[in-house]
Structures are given as structure tokens and as C-alpha cells.
């Protein structure tokens, strides 16, 4: 199983959007989404999709960040609107495939005040 994390960052794109694509030998994606870790803080949940289609968001991002997915592409997206300086962190894609957890490389998102 391989994760390909990428992002549309920078002023030219408007609001940032992160992507996470899963490939390889996949029977079932149990959960897929993002966590983040700010300097000096513990890693925390941002948003995840569960296999049944439901979503869970961290309290600090509700209403501002939106997770979506393309099942045909095994890809999840994180649309990041109304960002605040406290959203500055390294964002990690996390996927649980066949009950095994995989982490993507982190993407640094910096929000200036």
C-alpha cells in the first residue's frame, strides 16, 4: 500500500487543498483522512472518512475545513477555508487499509496573521 500526499498551496490557488491517494493491494479502506501536528503540540485529528461514509472532524476545524473523497480514485481531499494562524501545522494523511494504519509524508501548512 502506498500513499501519495500532495497539496495545492500558495496564493495562486486560493484556499489550500490537500490530497491523499491510496494505491496498491487494497481490499478495504476502513478509514481515511488527516491529522496534524503543530510545533510543540501533540498530533491531533483534523478530519476522517469512515468506511460507511460518515465523517469525524476535530472540534477546532469544524465549519472551516471540509473532507471529501473520490472512491473511484481512492483519494481523499481536504479543503481548507477560513484558515487561522493556529492552523499552522504539518498535516499528515492517515489511511487504515485492511485494518493496518499507514501514514503519508507530512505537508507543512503555514498560515500568517
N, C-alpha and C. Protein backbone atom coordinates (compact mmCIF):
# COMPACT_ATOMS: atom_id res chain seq x y z
N UNK A 1 0.85 -1.18 0.00
CA UNK A 1 0.00 0.00 0.00
C UNK A 1 0.89 1.24 0.00
N UNK A 2 0.58 2.16 -0.89
CA UNK A 2 1.34 3.41 -0.98
C UNK A 2 0.38 4.59 -0.84
N UNK A 3 0.86 5.62 -0.14
CA UNK A 3 0.11 6.86 -0.03
C UNK A 3 0.85 7.96 -0.78
N UNK A 4 0.11 8.71 -1.53
CA UNK A 4 0.68 9.85 -2.22
C UNK A 4 -0.04 11.10 -1.74
N UNK A 5 0.64 11.85 -0.89
CA UNK A 5 0.04 13.06 -0.36
C UNK A 5 0.56 14.24 -1.14
N UNK A 6 -0.33 15.17 -1.45
CA UNK A 6 0.06 16.36 -2.19
C UNK A 6 -0.84 17.51 -1.74
N UNK A 7 -0.51 18.69 -2.23
CA UNK A 7 -1.31 19.83 -1.82
C UNK A 7 -1.25 20.95 -2.83
N UNK A 8 -2.34 21.68 -2.91
CA UNK A 8 -2.39 22.92 -3.68
C UNK A 8 -2.29 24.05 -2.67
N UNK A 9 -1.08 24.58 -2.60
CA UNK A 9 -0.80 25.60 -1.61
C UNK A 9 -0.27 26.84 -2.31
N UNK A 10 -0.45 27.97 -1.67
CA UNK A 10 0.05 29.20 -2.24
C UNK A 10 -1.08 30.10 -2.71
N UNK A 11 -0.79 31.34 -2.81
CA UNK A 11 -1.81 32.36 -3.11
C UNK A 11 -2.47 32.12 -4.46
N UNK A 12 -1.77 31.54 -5.40
CA UNK A 12 -2.34 31.33 -6.73
C UNK A 12 -3.53 30.38 -6.71
N UNK A 13 -3.58 29.49 -5.73
CA UNK A 13 -4.65 28.50 -5.67
C UNK A 13 -5.84 28.97 -4.84
N UNK A 14 -5.73 30.11 -4.15
CA UNK A 14 -6.79 30.48 -3.25
C UNK A 14 -6.70 29.67 -1.97
N UNK A 15 -7.82 29.14 -1.51
CA UNK A 15 -7.79 28.33 -0.30
C UNK A 15 -7.05 27.03 -0.57
N UNK A 16 -6.18 26.61 0.32
CA UNK A 16 -5.41 25.40 0.10
C UNK A 16 -6.29 24.15 0.05
N UNK A 17 -5.80 23.14 -0.66
CA UNK A 17 -6.47 21.86 -0.67
C UNK A 17 -5.40 20.76 -0.66
N UNK A 18 -5.55 19.85 0.25
CA UNK A 18 -4.65 18.71 0.34
C UNK A 18 -5.31 17.49 -0.28
N UNK A 19 -4.48 16.62 -0.84
CA UNK A 19 -4.97 15.38 -1.44
C UNK A 19 -4.18 14.21 -0.88
N UNK A 20 -4.84 13.07 -0.83
CA UNK A 20 -4.18 11.85 -0.38
C UNK A 20 -4.73 10.70 -1.20
N UNK A 21 -3.87 10.08 -1.99
CA UNK A 21 -4.28 8.98 -2.84
C UNK A 21 -3.66 7.68 -2.33
N UNK A 22 -4.46 6.64 -2.33
CA UNK A 22 -4.01 5.33 -1.87
C UNK A 22 -3.94 4.39 -3.07
N UNK A 23 -2.87 3.63 -3.15
CA UNK A 23 -2.74 2.66 -4.22
C UNK A 23 -2.12 1.39 -3.67
N UNK A 24 -2.21 0.33 -4.48
CA UNK A 24 -1.62 -0.93 -4.07
C UNK A 24 -2.68 -1.99 -3.85
N UNK A 25 -2.31 -2.98 -3.07
CA UNK A 25 -3.20 -4.10 -2.80
C UNK A 25 -4.18 -3.70 -1.69
N UNK A 26 -5.39 -3.37 -2.11
CA UNK A 26 -6.39 -2.85 -1.17
C UNK A 26 -7.64 -3.70 -1.26
N UNK A 27 -8.04 -4.26 -0.11
CA UNK A 27 -9.31 -4.95 -0.05
C UNK A 27 -10.39 -4.02 0.48
N UNK A 28 -10.02 -3.27 1.52
CA UNK A 28 -11.00 -2.37 2.12
C UNK A 28 -10.29 -1.21 2.80
N UNK A 29 -10.77 -0.01 2.52
CA UNK A 29 -10.29 1.19 3.23
C UNK A 29 -11.24 1.41 4.41
N UNK A 30 -10.72 1.23 5.59
CA UNK A 30 -11.55 1.34 6.78
C UNK A 30 -11.75 2.79 7.22
N UNK A 31 -10.70 3.60 7.04
CA UNK A 31 -10.77 5.00 7.44
C UNK A 31 -9.71 5.76 6.68
N UNK A 32 -9.98 7.02 6.38
CA UNK A 32 -9.04 7.81 5.60
C UNK A 32 -9.20 9.27 5.95
N UNK A 33 -8.09 9.96 6.17
CA UNK A 33 -8.21 11.37 6.49
C UNK A 33 -6.89 11.99 6.91
N UNK A 34 -6.98 13.02 7.73
CA UNK A 34 -5.82 13.79 8.11
C UNK A 34 -5.73 14.02 9.61
N UNK A 35 -4.51 14.05 10.07
CA UNK A 35 -4.14 14.52 11.38
C UNK A 35 -3.15 15.66 11.18
N UNK A 36 -2.92 16.42 12.21
CA UNK A 36 -1.93 17.50 12.11
C UNK A 36 -1.15 17.61 13.41
N UNK A 37 0.04 18.18 13.28
CA UNK A 37 0.88 18.39 14.45
C UNK A 37 1.53 19.76 14.34
N UNK A 38 1.20 20.60 15.29
CA UNK A 38 1.79 21.93 15.37
C UNK A 38 3.05 21.86 16.23
N UNK A 39 3.95 22.81 16.07
CA UNK A 39 5.18 22.81 16.86
C UNK A 39 4.91 22.76 18.36
N UNK A 40 5.53 21.81 19.02
CA UNK A 40 5.38 21.71 20.46
C UNK A 40 4.09 21.10 20.93
N UNK A 41 3.27 20.61 20.01
CA UNK A 41 1.98 20.04 20.39
C UNK A 41 1.87 18.60 19.92
N UNK A 42 0.89 17.89 20.49
CA UNK A 42 0.65 16.52 20.08
C UNK A 42 -0.12 16.48 18.76
N UNK A 43 0.03 15.38 18.08
CA UNK A 43 -0.72 15.19 16.84
C UNK A 43 -2.21 15.09 17.18
N UNK A 44 -3.03 15.76 16.36
CA UNK A 44 -4.46 15.77 16.63
C UNK A 44 -5.26 15.47 15.36
N UNK A 45 -6.46 15.01 15.57
CA UNK A 45 -7.36 14.70 14.47
C UNK A 45 -7.79 15.99 13.78
N UNK A 46 -7.78 15.95 12.44
CA UNK A 46 -8.36 17.04 11.65
C UNK A 46 -9.71 16.58 11.10
N UNK A 47 -9.69 15.57 10.27
CA UNK A 47 -10.93 15.06 9.69
C UNK A 47 -10.67 13.69 9.09
N UNK A 48 -11.65 12.80 9.22
CA UNK A 48 -11.53 11.47 8.63
C UNK A 48 -12.85 11.03 8.04
N UNK A 49 -12.76 10.17 7.04
CA UNK A 49 -13.90 9.46 6.48
C UNK A 49 -13.87 8.04 7.01
N UNK A 50 -15.02 7.54 7.42
CA UNK A 50 -15.13 6.14 7.81
C UNK A 50 -15.67 5.33 6.64
N UNK A 51 -15.47 4.04 6.70
CA UNK A 51 -15.86 3.19 5.58
C UNK A 51 -17.34 3.28 5.26
N UNK A 52 -18.16 3.54 6.23
CA UNK A 52 -19.59 3.65 5.99
C UNK A 52 -20.01 4.97 5.38
N UNK A 53 -19.06 5.90 5.24
CA UNK A 53 -19.36 7.18 4.62
C UNK A 53 -19.49 8.33 5.60
N UNK A 54 -19.51 8.05 6.87
CA UNK A 54 -19.61 9.13 7.85
C UNK A 54 -18.27 9.82 8.01
N UNK A 55 -18.30 11.00 8.60
CA UNK A 55 -17.09 11.78 8.81
C UNK A 55 -16.97 12.20 10.27
N UNK A 56 -15.73 12.42 10.69
CA UNK A 56 -15.46 12.95 12.01
C UNK A 56 -14.49 14.11 11.84
N UNK A 57 -14.82 15.23 12.46
CA UNK A 57 -13.95 16.41 12.41
C UNK A 57 -13.44 16.75 13.80
N UNK A 58 -12.23 17.29 13.84
CA UNK A 58 -11.74 17.85 15.08
C UNK A 58 -12.54 19.11 15.42
N UNK A 59 -12.73 19.36 16.69
CA UNK A 59 -13.56 20.50 17.10
C UNK A 59 -13.03 21.83 16.58
N UNK A 60 -11.72 21.94 16.49
CA UNK A 60 -11.14 23.23 16.12
C UNK A 60 -11.27 23.56 14.63
N UNK A 61 -11.67 22.59 13.83
CA UNK A 61 -11.74 22.84 12.38
C UNK A 61 -13.16 22.75 11.83
N UNK A 62 -14.11 22.38 12.66
CA UNK A 62 -15.48 22.23 12.18
C UNK A 62 -15.98 23.53 11.57
N UNK A 63 -16.60 23.37 10.40
CA UNK A 63 -17.16 24.52 9.71
C UNK A 63 -16.17 25.27 8.84
N UNK A 64 -14.90 24.91 8.91
CA UNK A 64 -13.89 25.61 8.12
C UNK A 64 -13.15 24.69 7.18
N UNK A 65 -12.83 23.50 7.61
CA UNK A 65 -12.15 22.52 6.77
C UNK A 65 -13.16 21.44 6.39
N UNK A 66 -13.07 20.99 5.16
CA UNK A 66 -14.04 20.01 4.66
C UNK A 66 -13.32 18.86 3.99
N UNK A 67 -13.66 17.65 4.40
CA UNK A 67 -13.08 16.46 3.79
C UNK A 67 -14.06 15.91 2.76
N UNK A 68 -13.52 15.44 1.65
CA UNK A 68 -14.33 14.80 0.62
C UNK A 68 -13.52 13.66 0.04
N UNK A 69 -14.14 12.88 -0.82
CA UNK A 69 -13.41 11.75 -1.36
C UNK A 69 -13.91 11.39 -2.74
N UNK A 70 -13.04 10.74 -3.49
CA UNK A 70 -13.36 10.18 -4.79
C UNK A 70 -13.09 8.68 -4.67
N UNK A 71 -14.13 7.90 -4.48
CA UNK A 71 -13.95 6.47 -4.25
C UNK A 71 -13.30 5.77 -5.44
N UNK A 72 -13.61 6.22 -6.62
CA UNK A 72 -13.06 5.59 -7.82
C UNK A 72 -11.54 5.74 -7.88
N UNK A 73 -11.06 6.83 -7.29
CA UNK A 73 -9.62 7.10 -7.32
C UNK A 73 -8.95 6.76 -6.00
N UNK A 74 -9.71 6.26 -5.03
CA UNK A 74 -9.16 6.02 -3.68
C UNK A 74 -8.41 7.25 -3.17
N UNK A 75 -9.05 8.38 -3.33
CA UNK A 75 -8.41 9.65 -2.99
C UNK A 75 -9.32 10.46 -2.08
N UNK A 76 -8.72 11.07 -1.07
CA UNK A 76 -9.43 11.98 -0.20
C UNK A 76 -8.86 13.38 -0.38
N UNK A 77 -9.71 14.36 -0.13
CA UNK A 77 -9.31 15.76 -0.27
C UNK A 77 -9.68 16.50 1.01
N UNK A 78 -8.85 17.47 1.35
CA UNK A 78 -9.14 18.33 2.49
C UNK A 78 -9.12 19.77 2.01
N UNK A 79 -10.31 20.35 1.90
CA UNK A 79 -10.43 21.74 1.50
C UNK A 79 -10.31 22.60 2.75
N UNK A 80 -9.41 23.55 2.69
CA UNK A 80 -9.08 24.33 3.89
C UNK A 80 -9.50 25.78 3.68
N UNK A 81 -10.61 26.15 4.26
CA UNK A 81 -11.12 27.51 4.16
C UNK A 81 -11.01 28.23 5.49
N UNK A 82 -11.05 29.53 5.43
CA UNK A 82 -11.06 30.37 6.64
C UNK A 82 -9.95 29.96 7.60
N UNK A 83 -8.76 29.79 7.06
CA UNK A 83 -7.64 29.36 7.90
C UNK A 83 -7.23 30.43 8.89
N UNK A 84 -6.74 29.99 10.02
CA UNK A 84 -6.26 30.86 11.08
C UNK A 84 -4.79 30.55 11.36
N UNK A 85 -4.07 31.49 11.96
CA UNK A 85 -2.67 31.18 12.28
C UNK A 85 -2.51 29.91 13.12
N UNK A 86 -3.49 29.63 13.96
CA UNK A 86 -3.39 28.42 14.80
C UNK A 86 -3.58 27.13 14.01
N UNK A 87 -3.91 27.23 12.73
CA UNK A 87 -3.97 26.06 11.87
C UNK A 87 -2.60 25.70 11.32
N UNK A 88 -1.61 26.52 11.59
CA UNK A 88 -0.26 26.22 11.13
C UNK A 88 0.22 24.92 11.76
N UNK A 89 0.60 23.97 10.90
CA UNK A 89 1.00 22.65 11.38
C UNK A 89 1.48 21.82 10.20
N UNK A 90 2.05 20.68 10.51
CA UNK A 90 2.32 19.67 9.48
C UNK A 90 1.10 18.75 9.44
N UNK A 91 0.54 18.62 8.27
CA UNK A 91 -0.67 17.81 8.07
C UNK A 91 -0.26 16.45 7.50
N UNK A 92 -0.75 15.40 8.16
CA UNK A 92 -0.41 14.04 7.76
C UNK A 92 -1.65 13.29 7.30
N UNK A 93 -1.54 12.70 6.14
CA UNK A 93 -2.59 11.80 5.68
C UNK A 93 -2.45 10.47 6.43
N UNK A 94 -3.57 9.93 6.84
CA UNK A 94 -3.57 8.63 7.51
C UNK A 94 -4.66 7.77 6.91
N UNK A 95 -4.31 6.56 6.57
CA UNK A 95 -5.27 5.64 5.99
C UNK A 95 -5.18 4.30 6.72
N UNK A 96 -6.31 3.74 7.02
CA UNK A 96 -6.35 2.39 7.57
C UNK A 96 -6.90 1.49 6.48
N UNK A 97 -6.03 0.63 5.98
CA UNK A 97 -6.38 -0.28 4.90
C UNK A 97 -6.31 -1.69 5.44
N UNK A 98 -7.40 -2.42 5.31
CA UNK A 98 -7.44 -3.80 5.81
C UNK A 98 -6.94 -3.83 7.26
N UNK A 99 -7.34 -2.87 8.04
CA UNK A 99 -7.07 -2.75 9.48
C UNK A 99 -5.60 -2.51 9.80
N UNK A 100 -4.83 -2.05 8.83
CA UNK A 100 -3.44 -1.65 9.04
C UNK A 100 -3.33 -0.16 8.76
N UNK A 101 -2.66 0.58 9.66
CA UNK A 101 -2.56 2.02 9.53
C UNK A 101 -1.32 2.42 8.74
N UNK A 102 -1.50 3.37 7.83
CA UNK A 102 -0.41 3.91 7.03
C UNK A 102 -0.42 5.43 7.14
N UNK A 103 0.79 6.01 7.16
CA UNK A 103 0.93 7.45 7.23
C UNK A 103 1.64 7.97 6.00
N UNK A 104 1.16 9.07 5.47
CA UNK A 104 1.83 9.73 4.37
C UNK A 104 2.88 10.70 4.89
N UNK A 105 3.66 11.22 3.98
CA UNK A 105 4.62 12.24 4.39
C UNK A 105 3.86 13.50 4.74
N UNK A 106 4.33 14.25 5.65
CA UNK A 106 3.63 15.44 6.10
C UNK A 106 3.72 16.59 5.11
N UNK A 107 2.72 17.43 5.15
CA UNK A 107 2.69 18.65 4.35
C UNK A 107 2.60 19.84 5.29
N UNK A 108 3.58 20.71 5.21
CA UNK A 108 3.58 21.88 6.08
C UNK A 108 2.62 22.93 5.54
N UNK A 109 1.71 23.36 6.38
CA UNK A 109 0.79 24.45 6.04
C UNK A 109 1.06 25.57 7.03
N UNK A 110 1.43 26.70 6.50
CA UNK A 110 1.73 27.86 7.34
C UNK A 110 0.72 28.95 7.06
N UNK A 111 0.10 29.44 8.10
CA UNK A 111 -0.91 30.50 7.97
C UNK A 111 -0.40 31.73 8.70
N UNK A 112 -0.26 32.80 7.95
CA UNK A 112 0.23 34.05 8.54
C UNK A 112 -0.92 34.90 9.05
N UNK A 113 -0.64 35.64 10.07
CA UNK A 113 -1.69 36.53 10.63
C UNK A 113 -1.76 37.83 9.87
